[in-house]
Each structure stands twice: as structure tokens, then as C-alpha cells.
């Protein structure tokens, strides 16, 4: 094989190898970021399931521009208001249980991530036993090397014929 052709072949192989290493690193980095966001969501649901408001709120960004849309009125909250609403809720209920249902979808791009899934919850209060199926979407932001919930949207669908919330909706 001529020397120039051999050199060209070796350079091509080296470039292809470098490209494969970079692609592999990018995929493993993306998978690692997705795993971190998934772990954030698992910590969040576990904290809510235990009624541990402090642990749940540790998952949320302290950024004053962060905003959270909840399924109650008023529906737009900052972190302090979410904390207070959760504290009041847990004082009024017993046997609260929450879980992620079905597929959990996580997409990551740079220092932002989006996650969405269905949350199933149940609890008891002075009026009886309740259950609710909710839609949950969050935007996470990486701050200081850690992921935090920077925006969330928690809602239940409604029946347009009656205007009533459908608490046991299936996807």
C-alpha cells in the first residue's frame, strides 16, 4: 500500500475513532443527566409520599423567578406559597400516598430539563377517603451542579360538558 494512502487511511481511522468517543461521551453524559433528573423526581415523590415538606421543598429552586402552577385556587405559587400550602395540606389529611404512574419522560438540553408523568395520589380527611390522578410537568434547571425544579405544572383534566374536574382520568 502506498505511504500516502496508508497515512490517509490511518488519519481517517483516527478521526472516526475520535468522533465515536465524543458521541459515546455525549450519550453517556446525556444519560447521566437524565438519571439525575429522574432521581430528583423520585426524591420529590418519596418526600410527598412521606409528608416530608422540607425534603420535598429541597427539590425546588430558590430562584425568586421560579413559578409553580398547582391544581388549586390560587393556582400560581412561588416557593414560599407552595411550602405553606403543603404544610396546611398535610395538617388536614392522613394516609397520604403518591406515586408516579406509567411512563416517565425526561428530556435534557444543557442546564435545562423537562420531565412529565402522571401522579396518582390518595388520602383521607374529615370528609372521607379521596384519590386523584393528575398530570405533572416540570422544568428543571441545573444550579451549582445540582438539578432543581424551576417550574412545575400540576393539573387535573376537566369534563368540558360539565365543567367538573375529572379526578380519576386515565391517559
Protein backbone atom coordinates (compact mmCIF):
# COMPACT_ATOMS: atom_id res chain seq x y z
CA UNK A 1 0.00 0.00 0.00
CA UNK A 2 1.47 3.38 -0.92
CA UNK A 3 2.66 5.52 2.01
CA UNK A 4 0.25 8.39 1.25
CA UNK A 5 -2.72 6.03 1.07
CA UNK A 6 -1.67 4.33 4.33
CA UNK A 7 -1.30 7.74 6.05
CA UNK A 8 -4.72 8.83 4.75
CA UNK A 9 -6.28 5.57 5.97
CA UNK A 10 -4.71 5.93 9.43
CA UNK A 11 -5.85 9.54 9.70
CA UNK A 12 -9.39 8.51 8.68
CA UNK A 13 -9.46 5.75 11.28
CA UNK A 14 -8.15 8.13 13.96
CA UNK A 15 -10.80 10.76 13.10
CA UNK A 16 -13.57 8.16 13.09
CA UNK A 17 -12.40 6.82 16.44
CA UNK A 18 -12.29 10.30 17.94
CA UNK A 19 -15.82 11.01 16.66
CA UNK A 20 -17.13 7.76 18.14
CA UNK A 21 -15.55 8.54 21.51
CA UNK A 22 -17.15 12.00 21.50
CA UNK A 23 -20.56 10.63 20.53
CA UNK A 24 -20.30 7.95 23.20
CA UNK A 25 -19.30 10.53 25.82
CA UNK A 26 -22.20 12.82 24.81
CA UNK A 27 -24.69 9.95 25.05
CA UNK A 28 -23.39 8.80 28.43
CA UNK A 29 -23.37 12.41 29.66
CA UNK A 30 -26.97 12.83 28.47
CA UNK A 31 -27.95 9.54 30.08
CA UNK A 32 -26.26 10.65 33.31
CA UNK A 33 -28.17 13.97 33.27
CA UNK A 34 -31.46 12.13 32.64
CA UNK A 35 -30.69 9.79 35.54
CA UNK A 36 -30.04 12.79 37.82
CA UNK A 37 -33.38 14.38 36.81
CA UNK A 38 -35.14 11.05 37.34
CA UNK A 39 -33.55 10.79 40.80
CA UNK A 40 -34.80 14.32 41.59
CA UNK A 41 -38.34 13.21 40.71
CA UNK A 42 -38.05 10.04 42.77
CA UNK A 43 -36.87 12.10 45.79
CA UNK A 44 -39.76 14.51 45.25
CA UNK A 45 -42.46 11.82 45.09
CA UNK A 46 -40.92 9.93 48.05
CA UNK A 47 -40.90 13.13 50.13
CA UNK A 48 -44.52 13.91 49.28
CA UNK A 49 -45.49 10.28 49.93
CA UNK A 50 -43.98 10.57 53.44
CA UNK A 51 -45.48 14.01 54.06
CA UNK A 52 -41.96 15.43 54.42
CA UNK A 53 -42.49 19.01 53.25
CA UNK A 54 -38.89 20.07 53.98
CA UNK A 55 -37.49 17.23 51.86
CA UNK A 56 -39.95 17.98 49.05
CA UNK A 57 -39.14 21.68 49.07
CA UNK A 58 -35.41 20.91 48.94
CA UNK A 59 -36.12 19.73 45.37
CA UNK A 60 -37.31 23.21 44.33
CA UNK A 61 -35.19 26.13 43.15
CA UNK A 62 -34.79 29.12 45.45
CA UNK A 63 -34.78 31.42 42.39
CA UNK A 64 -37.41 34.14 43.04
CA UNK A 65 -38.40 33.96 39.35
CA UNK A 66 -39.34 30.28 39.63
CA UNK A 67 -43.10 29.74 39.36
CA UNK A 68 -45.28 26.76 40.16
CA UNK A 69 -48.79 26.12 38.78
CA UNK A 70 -50.79 23.92 41.13
CA UNK A 71 -54.20 22.29 40.83
CA UNK A 72 -55.87 24.53 43.44
CA UNK A 73 -57.01 28.13 43.58
CA UNK A 74 -54.99 30.25 43.58
CA UNK A 75 -53.08 28.18 41.07
CA UNK A 76 -49.89 30.25 40.66
CA UNK A 77 -47.39 29.97 43.52
CA UNK A 78 -43.85 30.88 44.45
CA UNK A 79 -41.76 28.51 46.60
CA UNK A 80 -42.86 30.05 49.90
CA UNK A 81 -46.53 29.69 48.96
CA UNK A 82 -46.05 26.06 47.83
CA UNK A 83 -44.34 25.32 51.15
CA UNK A 84 -47.18 26.89 53.15
CA UNK A 85 -49.89 25.15 51.09
CA UNK A 86 -48.17 21.79 51.56
CA UNK A 87 -47.80 22.30 55.31
CA UNK A 88 -51.51 23.15 55.61
CA UNK A 89 -52.48 20.19 53.43
CA UNK A 90 -50.52 17.65 55.48
CA UNK A 91 -52.02 19.01 58.73
CA UNK A 92 -55.50 18.29 57.38
CA UNK A 93 -55.02 14.79 55.93
CA UNK A 94 -53.97 11.29 56.92
CA UNK A 95 -52.71 8.29 55.00
CA UNK A 96 -51.45 10.33 52.05
CA UNK A 97 -49.84 8.28 49.30
CA UNK A 98 -48.33 9.46 45.99
CA UNK A 99 -46.70 7.60 43.13
CA UNK A 100 -45.51 8.14 39.57
CA UNK A 101 -47.68 6.17 37.17
CA UNK A 102 -46.85 4.91 33.69
CA UNK A 103 -44.00 6.26 31.62
CA UNK A 104 -41.77 9.00 32.97
CA UNK A 105 -40.38 11.09 30.14
CA UNK A 106 -37.23 13.16 30.70
CA UNK A 107 -35.51 15.37 28.12
CA UNK A 108 -32.30 17.27 28.88
CA UNK A 109 -30.66 20.10 26.97
CA UNK A 110 -27.74 21.89 28.59
CA UNK A 111 -28.71 23.18 32.05
CA UNK A 112 -32.46 22.71 31.46
CA UNK A 113 -34.56 19.56 31.61
CA UNK A 114 -38.24 18.74 31.18
CA UNK A 115 -39.97 15.82 32.87
CA UNK A 116 -43.59 14.74 32.67
CA UNK A 117 -45.65 11.90 34.05
CA UNK A 118 -48.91 11.00 35.79
CA UNK A 119 -49.18 11.26 39.58
CA UNK A 120 -51.62 9.02 41.43
CA UNK A 121 -52.45 10.11 44.96
CA UNK A 122 -54.83 9.13 47.73
CA UNK A 123 -55.56 10.42 51.22
CA UNK A 124 -58.13 10.61 53.98
CA UNK A 125 -59.55 13.66 55.69
CA UNK A 126 -62.59 14.53 57.80
CA UNK A 127 -64.85 14.18 54.74
CA UNK A 128 -63.66 10.70 53.73
CA UNK A 129 -61.16 8.94 51.53
CA UNK A 130 -60.08 10.54 48.27
CA UNK A 131 -57.99 9.70 45.23
CA UNK A 132 -56.77 11.77 42.34
CA UNK A 133 -54.96 11.20 39.06
CA UNK A 134 -53.04 14.30 37.99
CA UNK A 135 -50.86 15.44 35.11
CA UNK A 136 -47.45 16.68 36.13
CA UNK A 137 -44.87 18.55 34.06
CA UNK A 138 -41.75 20.24 35.37
CA UNK A 139 -38.88 22.27 34.03
CA UNK A 140 -35.67 21.69 35.95
CA UNK A 141 -32.62 23.88 35.97
CA UNK A 142 -29.10 22.90 36.95
CA UNK A 143 -27.87 25.29 39.63
CA UNK A 144 -24.45 24.86 41.22
CA UNK A 145 -24.09 21.40 39.70
CA UNK A 146 -27.46 20.12 41.04
CA UNK A 147 -30.89 19.85 39.42
CA UNK A 148 -33.80 21.77 40.95
CA UNK A 149 -37.43 22.20 39.93
CA UNK A 150 -37.65 25.68 38.46
CA UNK A 151 -41.19 25.48 37.08
CA UNK A 152 -43.94 22.94 37.55
CA UNK A 153 -47.43 22.46 36.22
CA UNK A 154 -49.68 20.19 38.24
CA UNK A 155 -53.25 19.81 36.98
CA UNK A 156 -56.27 17.60 36.56
CA UNK A 157 -58.27 17.40 33.34
CA UNK A 158 -61.87 18.55 33.25
CA UNK A 159 -65.01 17.35 31.52
CA UNK A 160 -65.99 20.11 29.06
CA UNK A 161 -69.64 19.01 29.16
CA UNK A 162 -69.96 19.57 32.91
CA UNK A 163 -67.02 21.85 33.71
CA UNK A 164 -66.13 19.46 36.54
CA UNK A 165 -62.65 18.17 37.30
CA UNK A 166 -62.08 14.53 36.39
CA UNK A 167 -60.07 13.23 39.33
CA UNK A 168 -59.83 9.64 38.11
CA UNK A 169 -58.93 10.30 34.48
CA UNK A 170 -56.88 7.76 32.59
CA UNK A 171 -54.43 8.87 29.92
